[in-house]
């Protein structure tokens, strides 16, 4: 190898060289992800069937994931907030914004008709009110997204994709600052862009990156001692109340009462700000639509397999989707789901109560455990909302070196001096004194990091396994399938790596949650005095400079 090549390698291996490479890789990843998202739903030319090709060449803005959000934003932007969930008013706005000239000439239904069909539709009430329906977002969401309503759907969709990428970099920068520079900014941003759920949010123009940014910026304020302000930022989650309710558990479990008060206060103010624009009636209509959607999510096959919430896990295998939707639900299935939910939420609350000091840490096992428990408590969410779990997972990695330091483990035959003590007979003598154990290179191994293994598995599943679409079916011939409870036993069991399949990513995150809980229980509680003296950092270790992130 030439001297020039060796010199170049030495430069690259230096900290500055690695940092530059990290920036180049992160920028290249951002460009690739944006190009993929921008052209994910491009129309494919078909000379034999030109009537099936869209005239506007891309239909990402026509799916309900983005279109439902844009519609509510448009209703506010058009000054029709008091008709937010009025179906005739929604149809008028959709038909004006989605011209038939942009569609495929041979499409059976227009874009406007598709969006109306994919959203909830409720008949008029007994008093003869209007027919209502639409996406499941509340008026707070419509107010927050109102600026997008001034743009045509196609341009608003692509603008939102750019905002999502910009927020990933902004949140990555905030996390890098929280780590005191131990986690590089480009590495943090890349991790968020590779995390499960980010791709779905970018491709479909979904809002999970906005929710994650709210969580990150609020937590940075909490780390700086501004708990009320951090809670107020988290109060913006009122635009998706299910997540506001889920993450309210964090200040409650960690006894951060000022943060909880700030979160509740900001959420209430946010809701009150919508009243002059949408009125009280829109809120009542949203509650009615939400109740209908909650019932549908228990039995709808598509929703169940796209969801990642704990309540929906047993429904994948214990419901018979060949039955009519009105007959699918089972009390036993609901009890299993609520039991799983109670185990996670109750376990999080119990450990946080026993290990209060560890649970209050800004980062490390305690923060990740409470954060993942709160995230998993959400009653219903889709696969792209897994992105919100990136905050607690990243709080584990704010000091990456602690997981990269090798831990050596030796396995070698014990000396004969220990044979008597470990013999299968009642213990009679005290343990022997220290005995030298010889371990050669062949008997020493590097102990694997459970955290890095699980995090790597998460990324691999998101980036590779989903696209492989591997499926397997397991049958048990001896299990009964008839009688009084014909579907009490899931037979056969079906597994898949597809996004609309087995929630492997959820299982990995639950495993990480359990591992963090065990580490918290095994650790020594940190005293307030040691934190105030600065002797321990946010991980409960001897303190290094973390840029003011300690509690």
Protein backbone atom coordinates (compact mmCIF):
# COMPACT_ATOMS: atom_id res chain seq x y z
CA UNK A 1 0.00 0.00 0.00
CA UNK A 2 1.41 3.39 -1.00
CA UNK A 3 2.37 6.07 1.49
CA UNK A 4 -0.30 8.41 0.17
CA UNK A 5 -3.04 5.85 0.79
CA UNK A 6 -1.73 5.19 4.31
CA UNK A 7 -1.58 8.92 4.99
CA UNK A 8 -5.17 9.34 3.75
CA UNK A 9 -6.36 6.47 5.99
CA UNK A 10 -4.62 8.03 8.99
CA UNK A 11 -6.35 11.35 8.30
CA UNK A 12 -9.74 9.66 7.95
CA UNK A 13 -9.31 7.74 11.19
CA UNK A 14 -8.66 10.91 13.16
CA UNK A 15 -11.65 12.45 15.00
CA UNK A 16 -11.84 15.33 12.53
CA UNK A 17 -11.78 12.95 9.58
CA UNK A 18 -14.50 10.77 11.06
CA UNK A 19 -16.61 13.84 11.80
CA UNK A 20 -16.33 15.07 8.21
CA UNK A 21 -17.22 11.61 6.90
CA UNK A 22 -20.24 11.53 9.22
CA UNK A 23 -21.47 14.84 7.79
CA UNK A 24 -20.96 13.68 4.21
CA UNK A 25 -22.79 10.42 4.89
CA UNK A 26 -25.67 12.22 6.62
CA UNK A 27 -26.07 14.72 3.77
CA UNK A 28 -25.96 11.91 1.20
CA UNK A 29 -28.57 9.99 3.20
CA UNK A 30 -30.80 13.09 3.36
CA UNK A 31 -30.59 13.56 -0.39
CA UNK A 32 -31.36 9.91 -1.05
CA UNK A 33 -34.31 9.87 1.37
CA UNK A 34 -35.74 13.07 -0.08
CA UNK A 35 -35.42 11.83 -3.66
CA UNK A 36 -37.08 8.54 -2.70
CA UNK A 37 -39.91 10.27 -0.88
CA UNK A 38 -40.39 12.85 -3.62
CA UNK A 39 -40.80 10.18 -6.29
CA UNK A 40 -42.24 7.32 -4.23
CA UNK A 41 -45.66 7.60 -5.84
CA UNK A 42 -44.68 8.72 -9.31
CA UNK A 43 -46.92 7.42 -12.05
CA UNK A 44 -45.35 4.64 -14.13
CA UNK A 45 -45.87 5.15 -17.90
CA UNK A 46 -47.87 2.37 -19.49
CA UNK A 47 -48.05 2.69 -23.30
CA UNK A 48 -50.53 -0.17 -23.52
CA UNK A 49 -52.95 1.36 -21.00
CA UNK A 50 -52.42 5.14 -21.03
CA UNK A 51 -55.82 5.65 -19.45
CA UNK A 52 -54.45 4.33 -16.13
CA UNK A 53 -51.61 6.89 -15.87
CA UNK A 54 -52.20 10.10 -13.90
CA UNK A 55 -51.77 13.33 -15.77
CA UNK A 56 -50.00 15.04 -12.84
CA UNK A 57 -47.44 12.18 -12.63
CA UNK A 58 -47.59 11.70 -8.82
CA UNK A 59 -50.43 10.74 -6.49
CA UNK A 60 -48.84 10.98 -3.01
CA UNK A 61 -51.16 13.88 -2.18
CA UNK A 62 -54.26 11.84 -2.99
CA UNK A 63 -53.99 9.32 -0.16
CA UNK A 64 -56.03 9.76 3.01
CA UNK A 65 -52.88 10.01 5.16
CA UNK A 66 -52.04 13.43 3.73
CA UNK A 67 -55.36 14.31 2.10
CA UNK A 68 -57.31 13.98 5.33
CA UNK A 69 -54.98 16.42 7.07
CA UNK A 70 -55.00 18.85 4.16
CA UNK A 71 -58.81 18.83 3.97
CA UNK A 72 -59.27 19.99 7.57
CA UNK A 73 -56.53 22.59 7.10
CA UNK A 74 -58.30 23.79 3.95
CA UNK A 75 -61.61 24.13 5.77
CA UNK A 76 -59.98 26.51 8.24
CA UNK A 77 -58.00 28.39 5.57
CA UNK A 78 -61.17 28.84 3.52
CA UNK A 79 -63.03 30.30 6.49
CA UNK A 80 -65.29 27.27 6.86
CA UNK A 81 -64.09 26.16 10.28
CA UNK A 82 -67.64 25.93 11.62
CA UNK A 83 -68.31 23.35 8.87
CA UNK A 84 -65.13 21.42 9.66
CA UNK A 85 -66.78 17.98 9.56
CA UNK A 86 -69.70 18.86 7.26
CA UNK A 87 -69.63 16.35 4.39
CA UNK A 88 -71.21 18.55 1.67
CA UNK A 89 -68.78 21.37 2.52
CA UNK A 90 -65.85 18.96 2.47
CA UNK A 91 -66.90 17.61 -0.91
CA UNK A 92 -67.04 21.11 -2.37
CA UNK A 93 -63.50 21.93 -1.20
CA UNK A 94 -62.09 18.60 -2.37
CA UNK A 95 -63.64 18.82 -5.84
CA UNK A 96 -62.25 22.32 -6.26
CA UNK A 97 -58.74 21.33 -5.12
CA UNK A 98 -58.45 17.95 -6.88
CA UNK A 99 -59.35 18.63 -10.55
CA UNK A 100 -60.28 15.67 -12.71
CA UNK A 101 -57.75 16.85 -15.29
CA UNK A 102 -54.92 15.76 -12.96
CA UNK A 103 -56.24 12.21 -12.63
CA UNK A 104 -55.97 9.12 -14.77
CA UNK A 105 -58.57 9.30 -17.53
CA UNK A 106 -59.79 5.78 -16.80
CA UNK A 107 -60.11 6.14 -13.01
CA UNK A 108 -63.37 4.71 -11.69
CA UNK A 109 -63.60 7.26 -8.89
CA UNK A 110 -62.22 10.76 -8.60
CA UNK A 111 -59.61 11.75 -6.02
CA UNK A 112 -62.27 13.67 -4.10
CA UNK A 113 -64.56 10.64 -4.01
CA UNK A 114 -61.72 8.42 -2.82
CA UNK A 115 -60.82 10.74 0.03
CA UNK A 116 -64.44 10.94 1.13
CA UNK A 117 -64.79 7.15 0.93
CA UNK A 118 -61.59 6.51 2.92
CA UNK A 119 -62.60 8.81 5.78
CA UNK A 120 -65.33 8.38 8.39
CA UNK A 121 -68.90 9.03 7.34
CA UNK A 122 -71.66 9.43 9.92
CA UNK A 123 -75.37 9.84 9.13
CA UNK A 124 -77.30 12.90 10.35
CA UNK A 125 -78.34 12.85 14.01
CA UNK A 126 -81.93 12.52 15.18
CA UNK A 127 -82.41 16.30 15.14
CA UNK A 128 -81.86 16.40 11.38
CA UNK A 129 -78.38 17.88 11.45
CA UNK A 130 -75.93 17.68 8.54
CA UNK A 131 -74.11 14.53 7.53
CA UNK A 132 -70.70 14.64 9.18
CA UNK A 133 -67.42 12.82 8.75
CA UNK A 134 -63.84 13.24 7.67
CA UNK A 135 -60.42 12.43 9.06
CA UNK A 136 -60.01 11.65 12.76
CA UNK A 137 -58.02 14.77 13.58
CA UNK A 138 -59.49 17.30 16.04
CA UNK A 139 -59.91 21.05 15.44
CA UNK A 140 -56.52 21.69 17.07
CA UNK A 141 -54.90 19.75 14.24
CA UNK A 142 -56.83 21.76 11.67
CA UNK A 143 -55.63 25.00 13.28
CA UNK A 144 -51.98 23.88 13.43
CA UNK A 145 -51.97 22.75 9.79
CA UNK A 146 -54.06 25.67 8.49
CA UNK A 147 -51.12 27.24 6.55
CA UNK A 148 -51.01 24.17 4.31
CA UNK A 149 -54.65 24.79 3.42
CA UNK A 150 -53.68 27.91 1.46
CA UNK A 151 -51.70 25.75 -0.98
CA UNK A 152 -52.92 23.29 -3.55
CA UNK A 153 -52.67 19.70 -2.22
CA UNK A 154 -49.81 18.70 -4.53
CA UNK A 155 -47.59 21.61 -3.45
CA UNK A 156 -48.60 21.33 0.21
CA UNK A 157 -47.66 17.65 0.15
CA UNK A 158 -44.15 18.28 -1.14
CA UNK A 159 -43.67 21.24 1.22
CA UNK A 160 -44.62 19.02 4.15
CA UNK A 161 -42.00 16.49 3.06
CA UNK A 162 -39.34 19.21 3.18
CA UNK A 163 -40.59 20.30 6.62
CA UNK A 164 -40.34 16.71 7.85
CA UNK A 165 -36.70 16.45 6.76
CA UNK A 166 -35.88 19.86 8.22
CA UNK A 167 -37.43 18.87 11.54
CA UNK A 168 -35.39 15.66 11.57
CA UNK A 169 -32.22 17.75 11.35
CA UNK A 170 -33.47 20.27 13.90
CA UNK A 171 -34.40 17.53 16.37
CA UNK A 172 -31.07 15.81 15.72
CA UNK A 173 -29.27 19.05 16.54
CA UNK A 174 -31.24 19.44 19.77
CA UNK A 175 -30.39 15.88 20.82
CA UNK A 176 -26.70 16.44 19.99
CA UNK A 177 -26.71 19.56 22.15
CA UNK A 178 -28.42 17.63 24.94
CA UNK A 179 -25.60 15.09 24.83
CA UNK A 180 -22.96 17.78 25.21
CA UNK A 181 -21.42 16.85 21.87
CA UNK A 182 -20.94 13.18 22.67
CA UNK A 183 -23.56 12.33 20.03
CA UNK A 184 -22.72 14.09 16.76
CA UNK A 185 -25.42 16.17 15.10
CA UNK A 186 -25.29 14.37 11.71
CA UNK A 187 -25.33 11.00 13.47
CA UNK A 188 -28.40 11.96 15.52
CA UNK A 189 -30.23 13.28 12.44
CA UNK A 190 -29.37 10.14 10.46
CA UNK A 191 -30.61 7.95 13.28
CA UNK A 192 -33.98 9.71 13.27
CA UNK A 193 -34.27 9.39 9.49
CA UNK A 194 -33.54 5.65 9.67
CA UNK A 195 -35.81 4.98 12.65
CA UNK A 196 -38.98 2.92 12.08
CA UNK A 197 -41.86 5.12 11.00
CA UNK A 198 -39.87 7.97 9.45
CA UNK A 199 -40.08 6.57 5.93
CA UNK A 200 -43.84 6.10 6.15
CA UNK A 201 -44.30 9.60 7.55
CA UNK A 202 -42.20 11.15 4.76
CA UNK A 203 -43.74 9.17 1.91
CA UNK A 204 -47.34 9.72 3.03
CA UNK A 205 -46.95 13.27 4.36
CA UNK A 206 -47.86 12.22 7.88
CA UNK A 207 -47.36 14.23 11.07
CA UNK A 208 -45.30 11.90 13.29
CA UNK A 209 -42.07 13.87 12.75
CA UNK A 210 -43.87 17.00 13.95
CA UNK A 211 -44.93 15.15 17.10
CA UNK A 212 -41.39 13.88 17.64
CA UNK A 213 -39.97 17.40 17.25
CA UNK A 214 -42.41 18.65 19.89
CA UNK A 215 -41.24 15.91 22.26
CA UNK A 216 -37.53 16.58 21.63
CA UNK A 217 -37.69 20.38 21.99
CA UNK A 218 -39.83 20.10 25.10
CA UNK A 219 -37.45 17.59 26.69
CA UNK A 220 -34.45 19.83 26.01
CA UNK A 221 -36.19 22.58 27.99
CA UNK A 222 -36.86 20.14 30.83
CA UNK A 223 -33.17 19.16 30.81
CA UNK A 224 -32.26 22.82 31.27
CA UNK A 225 -34.46 23.03 34.35
CA UNK A 226 -37.36 24.80 32.60
CA UNK A 227 -39.96 22.15 33.33
CA UNK A 228 -43.04 24.37 32.96
CA UNK A 229 -41.84 25.63 29.55
CA UNK A 230 -41.01 22.09 28.43
CA UNK A 231 -44.46 20.96 29.49
CA UNK A 232 -46.02 23.85 27.56
CA UNK A 233 -44.22 22.68 24.41
CA UNK A 234 -45.50 19.16 25.01
CA UNK A 235 -48.97 20.70 25.34
CA UNK A 236 -48.88 21.23 21.57
CA UNK A 237 -49.50 17.48 21.33
CA UNK A 238 -53.13 18.46 21.87
CA UNK A 239 -53.29 18.49 18.08
CA UNK A 240 -53.27 14.67 18.49
CA UNK A 241 -54.94 14.12 21.89
CA UNK A 242 -54.15 10.39 22.07
CA UNK A 243 -50.44 11.23 22.18
CA UNK A 244 -50.95 14.09 24.61
CA UNK A 245 -52.66 11.66 26.97
CA UNK A 246 -49.96 9.04 26.51
CA UNK A 247 -46.97 11.31 27.15
CA UNK A 248 -48.69 13.05 30.05
CA UNK A 249 -47.68 9.90 31.92
CA UNK A 250 -44.02 10.98 31.75
CA UNK A 251 -44.35 14.00 34.08
CA UNK A 252 -46.82 12.09 36.24
CA UNK A 253 -44.60 9.02 36.65
CA UNK A 254 -41.49 11.15 37.24
CA UNK A 255 -43.27 13.56 39.62
CA UNK A 256 -42.53 16.62 37.51
CA UNK A 257 -45.62 18.53 38.57
CA UNK A 258 -44.65 21.84 36.95
CA UNK A 259 -44.15 20.06 33.65
CA UNK A 260 -47.54 18.37 33.96
CA UNK A 261 -49.18 21.71 34.79
CA UNK A 262 -47.50 23.40 31.82
CA UNK A 263 -48.60 20.59 29.51
CA UNK A 264 -52.22 20.68 30.67
CA UNK A 265 -52.36 24.48 30.62
CA UNK A 266 -50.94 24.79 27.12
CA UNK A 267 -53.22 22.05 25.82
CA UNK A 268 -56.29 23.77 27.24
CA UNK A 269 -55.26 27.15 25.79
CA UNK A 270 -54.61 25.50 22.43
CA UNK A 271 -58.10 24.05 22.45
CA UNK A 272 -59.70 27.35 23.47
CA UNK A 273 -57.97 29.13 20.59
CA UNK A 274 -59.92 26.96 18.15
CA UNK A 275 -63.35 28.00 19.46
CA UNK A 276 -63.63 31.33 17.61
CA UNK A 277 -62.66 29.55 14.39
CA UNK A 278 -64.55 26.24 14.55
CA UNK A 279 -67.05 26.68 17.39
CA UNK A 280 -68.12 24.18 20.02
CA UNK A 281 -70.23 22.16 17.59
CA UNK A 282 -67.17 21.01 15.62
CA UNK A 283 -65.65 19.60 18.80
CA UNK A 284 -68.85 17.68 19.56
CA UNK A 285 -68.92 16.32 16.02
CA UNK A 286 -65.29 15.26 16.30
CA UNK A 287 -66.07 13.31 19.49
CA UNK A 288 -68.90 11.54 17.69
CA UNK A 289 -66.65 10.65 14.75
CA UNK A 290 -63.91 9.51 17.12
CA UNK A 291 -66.22 7.12 18.96
CA UNK A 292 -67.32 5.55 15.69
CA UNK A 293 -63.71 5.23 14.53
CA UNK A 294 -62.68 3.62 17.83
CA UNK A 295 -65.34 0.95 17.35
CA UNK A 296 -64.29 0.37 13.75
CA UNK A 297 -60.60 0.05 14.66
CA UNK A 298 -61.41 -2.97 16.83
CA UNK A 299 -62.64 -5.07 13.91
CA UNK A 300 -61.34 -3.55 10.67
CA UNK A 301 -58.64 -5.84 9.27
CA UNK A 302 -56.66 -3.11 7.53
CA UNK A 303 -56.53 -0.87 10.62
CA UNK A 304 -55.58 -3.74 12.90
CA UNK A 305 -52.67 -4.91 10.75
CA UNK A 306 -51.36 -1.40 10.13
CA UNK A 307 -51.58 -0.47 13.81
CA UNK A 308 -48.83 -0.92 16.39
CA UNK A 309 -50.73 -0.35 19.64
CA UNK A 310 -50.83 -2.95 22.39
CA UNK A 311 -54.61 -3.31 22.32
CA UNK A 312 -54.51 -4.41 18.69
CA UNK A 313 -51.77 -7.03 19.03
CA UNK A 314 -53.99 -10.00 20.02
CA UNK A 315 -56.63 -9.03 17.47
CA UNK A 316 -54.26 -9.98 14.63
CA UNK A 317 -54.50 -13.64 15.55
CA UNK A 318 -57.64 -14.01 17.70
CA UNK A 319 -60.24 -12.45 15.38
CA UNK A 320 -61.80 -14.23 12.43
CA UNK A 321 -61.75 -11.75 9.55
CA UNK A 322 -63.92 -14.02 7.41
CA UNK A 323 -66.88 -13.11 9.63
CA UNK A 324 -68.94 -9.96 9.05
CA UNK A 325 -67.39 -6.95 10.79
CA UNK A 326 -70.33 -6.61 13.20
CA UNK A 327 -69.71 -10.15 14.53
CA UNK A 328 -65.89 -10.18 14.83
CA UNK A 329 -65.29 -8.59 18.20
CA UNK A 330 -64.76 -10.87 21.21
CA UNK A 331 -64.73 -9.93 24.88
CA UNK A 332 -61.88 -12.34 25.53
CA UNK A 333 -59.76 -10.64 22.86
CA UNK A 334 -60.38 -7.23 24.42
CA UNK A 335 -59.41 -8.58 27.84
CA UNK A 336 -56.13 -9.94 26.47
CA UNK A 337 -55.33 -6.58 24.87
CA UNK A 338 -56.16 -4.60 28.00
CA UNK A 339 -54.15 -7.07 30.06
CA UNK A 340 -51.10 -6.47 27.88
CA UNK A 341 -51.62 -2.72 28.10
CA UNK A 342 -52.03 -2.83 31.88
CA UNK A 343 -48.87 -4.91 32.24
CA UNK A 344 -46.75 -2.36 30.38
CA UNK A 345 -48.29 0.78 31.88
CA UNK A 346 -48.58 -0.72 35.36
CA UNK A 347 -45.02 -2.04 35.18
CA UNK A 348 -43.74 1.39 34.16
CA UNK A 349 -45.60 3.08 37.01
CA UNK A 350 -44.38 0.52 39.57
CA UNK A 351 -40.71 0.73 38.61
CA UNK A 352 -40.87 4.54 38.44
CA UNK A 353 -42.31 4.54 41.96
CA UNK A 354 -39.68 2.19 43.36
CA UNK A 355 -36.74 3.85 41.59
CA UNK A 356 -37.84 7.48 41.66
CA UNK A 357 -34.39 8.99 41.25
CA UNK A 358 -33.49 6.79 38.30
CA UNK A 359 -36.85 7.45 36.64
CA UNK A 360 -36.28 11.19 36.91
CA UNK A 361 -33.00 11.10 35.01
CA UNK A 362 -32.88 13.17 31.83
CA UNK A 363 -31.22 10.34 29.89
CA UNK A 364 -30.13 6.75 30.33
CA UNK A 365 -32.07 3.64 31.30
CA UNK A 366 -34.60 5.38 33.54
CA UNK A 367 -35.58 8.04 31.01
CA UNK A 368 -35.80 5.47 28.19
CA UNK A 369 -37.88 3.10 30.31
CA UNK A 370 -40.45 5.73 31.32
CA UNK A 371 -40.53 7.21 27.80
CA UNK A 372 -41.10 3.86 26.10
CA UNK A 373 -43.76 2.93 28.64
CA UNK A 374 -45.61 6.19 27.97
CA UNK A 375 -45.30 5.72 24.21
CA UNK A 376 -46.69 2.18 24.41
CA UNK A 377 -49.65 3.39 26.49
CA UNK A 378 -51.26 5.10 23.48
CA UNK A 379 -54.59 3.39 22.79
CA UNK A 380 -54.37 3.37 19.01
CA UNK A 381 -51.70 4.38 16.53
CA UNK A 382 -50.43 3.39 13.08
CA UNK A 383 -46.98 2.09 12.16
CA UNK A 384 -45.53 5.49 11.24
CA UNK A 385 -46.21 6.75 14.77
CA UNK A 386 -43.50 4.41 16.00
CA UNK A 387 -41.24 7.34 15.19
CA UNK A 388 -42.23 8.91 18.52
CA UNK A 389 -40.33 6.13 20.30
CA UNK A 390 -37.13 7.59 18.82
CA UNK A 391 -36.86 10.09 21.70
CA UNK A 392 -36.63 7.55 24.55
CA UNK A 393 -34.42 5.27 22.44
CA UNK A 394 -32.07 8.17 21.63
CA UNK A 395 -31.91 9.09 25.33
CA UNK A 396 -30.13 5.75 25.75
CA UNK A 397 -27.54 6.68 23.16
CA UNK A 398 -26.60 10.21 24.19
CA UNK A 399 -23.30 8.76 25.39
CA UNK A 400 -22.52 6.22 22.64
CA UNK A 401 -19.08 5.37 24.02
CA UNK A 402 -20.58 3.67 27.07
CA UNK A 403 -21.99 0.97 24.79
CA UNK A 404 -18.92 0.74 22.55
CA UNK A 405 -16.40 0.01 25.29
CA UNK A 406 -15.72 -3.76 25.05
CA UNK A 407 -16.62 -5.99 27.98
CA UNK A 408 -14.57 -9.19 27.97
CA UNK A 409 -16.04 -12.47 29.19
CA UNK A 410 -13.88 -15.55 29.89
CA UNK A 411 -15.21 -19.12 29.80
CA UNK A 412 -12.68 -21.75 30.90
CA UNK A 413 -12.67 -24.94 33.02
CA UNK A 414 -12.50 -24.08 36.73
CA UNK A 415 -9.55 -25.31 38.82
CA UNK A 416 -10.02 -28.45 40.91
CA UNK A 417 -9.79 -26.39 44.11
CA UNK A 418 -13.37 -25.23 43.52
CA UNK A 419 -14.83 -28.70 42.89
CA UNK A 420 -15.69 -29.40 46.52
CA UNK A 421 -17.53 -26.12 47.06
CA UNK A 422 -19.70 -26.58 43.96
CA UNK A 423 -20.34 -30.31 44.50
CA UNK A 424 -24.00 -31.44 44.59
CA UNK A 425 -24.23 -31.79 48.39
CA UNK A 426 -25.26 -29.60 51.34
CA UNK A 427 -22.97 -26.62 51.88
CA UNK A 428 -20.62 -27.23 54.80
CA UNK A 429 -17.64 -24.95 54.38
CA UNK A 430 -17.28 -21.29 53.44
CA UNK A 431 -16.36 -20.43 49.87
CA UNK A 432 -12.69 -20.80 49.03
CA UNK A 433 -10.42 -17.81 48.76
CA UNK A 434 -9.50 -16.19 45.46
CA UNK A 435 -8.23 -18.77 43.00
CA UNK A 436 -6.29 -17.85 39.90
CA UNK A 437 -8.16 -18.90 36.75
CA UNK A 438 -6.15 -19.15 33.56
CA UNK A 439 -7.93 -17.92 30.46
CA UNK A 440 -6.24 -17.96 27.10
CA UNK A 441 -7.21 -15.96 23.99
CA UNK A 442 -9.45 -18.79 22.77
CA UNK A 443 -11.59 -18.71 25.90
CA UNK A 444 -12.20 -14.93 25.97
CA UNK A 445 -15.08 -13.30 24.07
CA UNK A 446 -16.58 -9.82 23.82
CA UNK A 447 -19.90 -9.53 25.61
CA UNK A 448 -22.55 -8.25 23.23
CA UNK A 449 -24.44 -5.03 23.99
CA UNK A 450 -28.15 -5.71 24.33
CA UNK A 451 -29.02 -2.05 23.64
CA UNK A 452 -26.97 -1.81 20.43
CA UNK A 453 -28.25 -5.21 19.27
CA UNK A 454 -31.89 -4.21 19.69
CA UNK A 455 -31.38 -0.78 18.13
CA UNK A 456 -29.55 -2.32 15.15
CA UNK A 457 -32.34 -4.84 14.76
CA UNK A 458 -34.89 -2.00 14.68
CA UNK A 459 -33.03 -0.24 11.87
CA UNK A 460 -32.49 -3.45 9.89
CA UNK A 461 -36.15 -4.39 10.09
CA UNK A 462 -37.23 -0.96 8.91
CA UNK A 463 -34.73 -0.71 6.06
CA UNK A 464 -34.55 -4.31 4.81
CA UNK A 465 -36.98 -6.85 6.26
CA UNK A 466 -40.16 -4.91 5.42
CA UNK A 467 -39.26 -4.93 1.76
CA UNK A 468 -38.47 -8.67 1.74
CA UNK A 469 -42.11 -9.53 2.55
CA UNK A 470 -41.18 -12.85 4.17
CA UNK A 471 -44.26 -14.79 5.32
CA UNK A 472 -44.78 -17.97 7.31
CA UNK A 473 -47.80 -19.92 8.53
CA UNK A 474 -47.73 -22.34 11.45
CA UNK A 475 -50.57 -24.80 12.01
CA UNK A 476 -51.37 -26.86 15.11
CA UNK A 477 -53.45 -29.87 14.16
CA UNK A 478 -54.23 -30.93 17.73
CA UNK A 479 -55.77 -27.63 18.82
CA UNK A 480 -59.59 -27.52 18.86
CA UNK A 481 -61.15 -25.06 16.46
CA UNK A 482 -64.87 -25.76 16.90
CA UNK A 483 -67.47 -25.77 19.62
CA UNK A 484 -68.73 -22.91 21.74
CA UNK A 485 -65.64 -20.75 21.13
CA UNK A 486 -64.74 -21.54 17.51
CA UNK A 487 -61.88 -19.02 17.35
CA UNK A 488 -60.52 -19.15 20.88
CA UNK A 489 -57.33 -20.72 19.52
CA UNK A 490 -55.43 -18.95 16.72
CA UNK A 491 -54.88 -21.70 14.21
CA UNK A 492 -53.01 -21.33 11.94
CA UNK A 493 -50.65 -18.60 13.12
CA UNK A 494 -49.56 -16.23 10.36
CA UNK A 495 -46.36 -14.19 10.49
CA UNK A 496 -44.94 -11.68 8.02
CA UNK A 497 -42.19 -9.06 7.80
CA UNK A 498 -44.41 -6.75 5.76
CA UNK A 499 -45.50 -3.39 7.13
CA UNK A 500 -49.04 -4.73 7.08
CA UNK A 501 -48.01 -7.81 9.00
CA UNK A 502 -46.52 -8.94 12.29
CA UNK A 503 -45.43 -5.97 14.48
CA UNK A 504 -41.85 -7.13 14.97
CA UNK A 505 -40.68 -3.56 15.55
CA UNK A 506 -43.16 -3.21 18.41
CA UNK A 507 -41.87 -6.42 19.96
CA UNK A 508 -38.28 -5.17 19.76
CA UNK A 509 -39.24 -1.89 21.41
CA UNK A 510 -41.08 -3.74 24.16
CA UNK A 511 -37.99 -5.89 24.70
CA UNK A 512 -35.89 -2.74 24.98
CA UNK A 513 -38.43 -1.32 27.45
CA UNK A 514 -38.22 -4.46 29.59
CA UNK A 515 -34.40 -4.49 29.47
CA UNK A 516 -34.25 -0.85 30.59
CA UNK A 517 -36.67 -1.64 33.41
CA UNK A 518 -34.46 -4.46 34.64
CA UNK A 519 -31.40 -2.23 34.52
CA UNK A 520 -33.23 0.44 36.50
CA UNK A 521 -34.25 -2.09 39.14
CA UNK A 522 -30.71 -3.45 39.35
CA UNK A 523 -29.15 -0.01 39.66
CA UNK A 524 -28.50 2.05 42.77
CA UNK A 525 -30.92 4.95 43.30
CA UNK A 526 -29.29 8.34 42.85
CA UNK A 527 -29.68 10.82 45.69
CA UNK A 528 -30.75 14.40 45.17
CA UNK A 529 -27.64 15.57 47.01
CA UNK A 530 -25.29 13.81 44.61
CA UNK A 531 -27.13 15.33 41.67
CA UNK A 532 -26.94 18.83 43.14
CA UNK A 533 -23.23 18.47 43.85
CA UNK A 534 -22.74 17.42 40.24
CA UNK A 535 -21.04 14.17 41.23
CA UNK A 536 -23.26 12.09 38.96
CA UNK A 537 -24.37 12.72 35.41
CA UNK A 538 -27.82 12.09 33.94
CA UNK A 539 -26.99 8.39 33.58
CA UNK A 540 -26.28 8.03 37.30
CA UNK A 541 -22.54 7.72 36.58
CA UNK A 542 -19.64 9.87 37.70
CA UNK A 543 -20.34 13.17 36.06
CA UNK A 544 -18.75 14.38 32.86
CA UNK A 545 -19.64 17.69 31.24
CA UNK A 546 -23.00 17.22 29.53
CA UNK A 547 -23.68 20.79 28.57
CA UNK A 548 -26.10 21.49 31.41
CA UNK A 549 -28.24 18.43 30.72
CA UNK A 550 -28.07 17.02 34.25
CA UNK A 551 -31.03 17.23 36.57
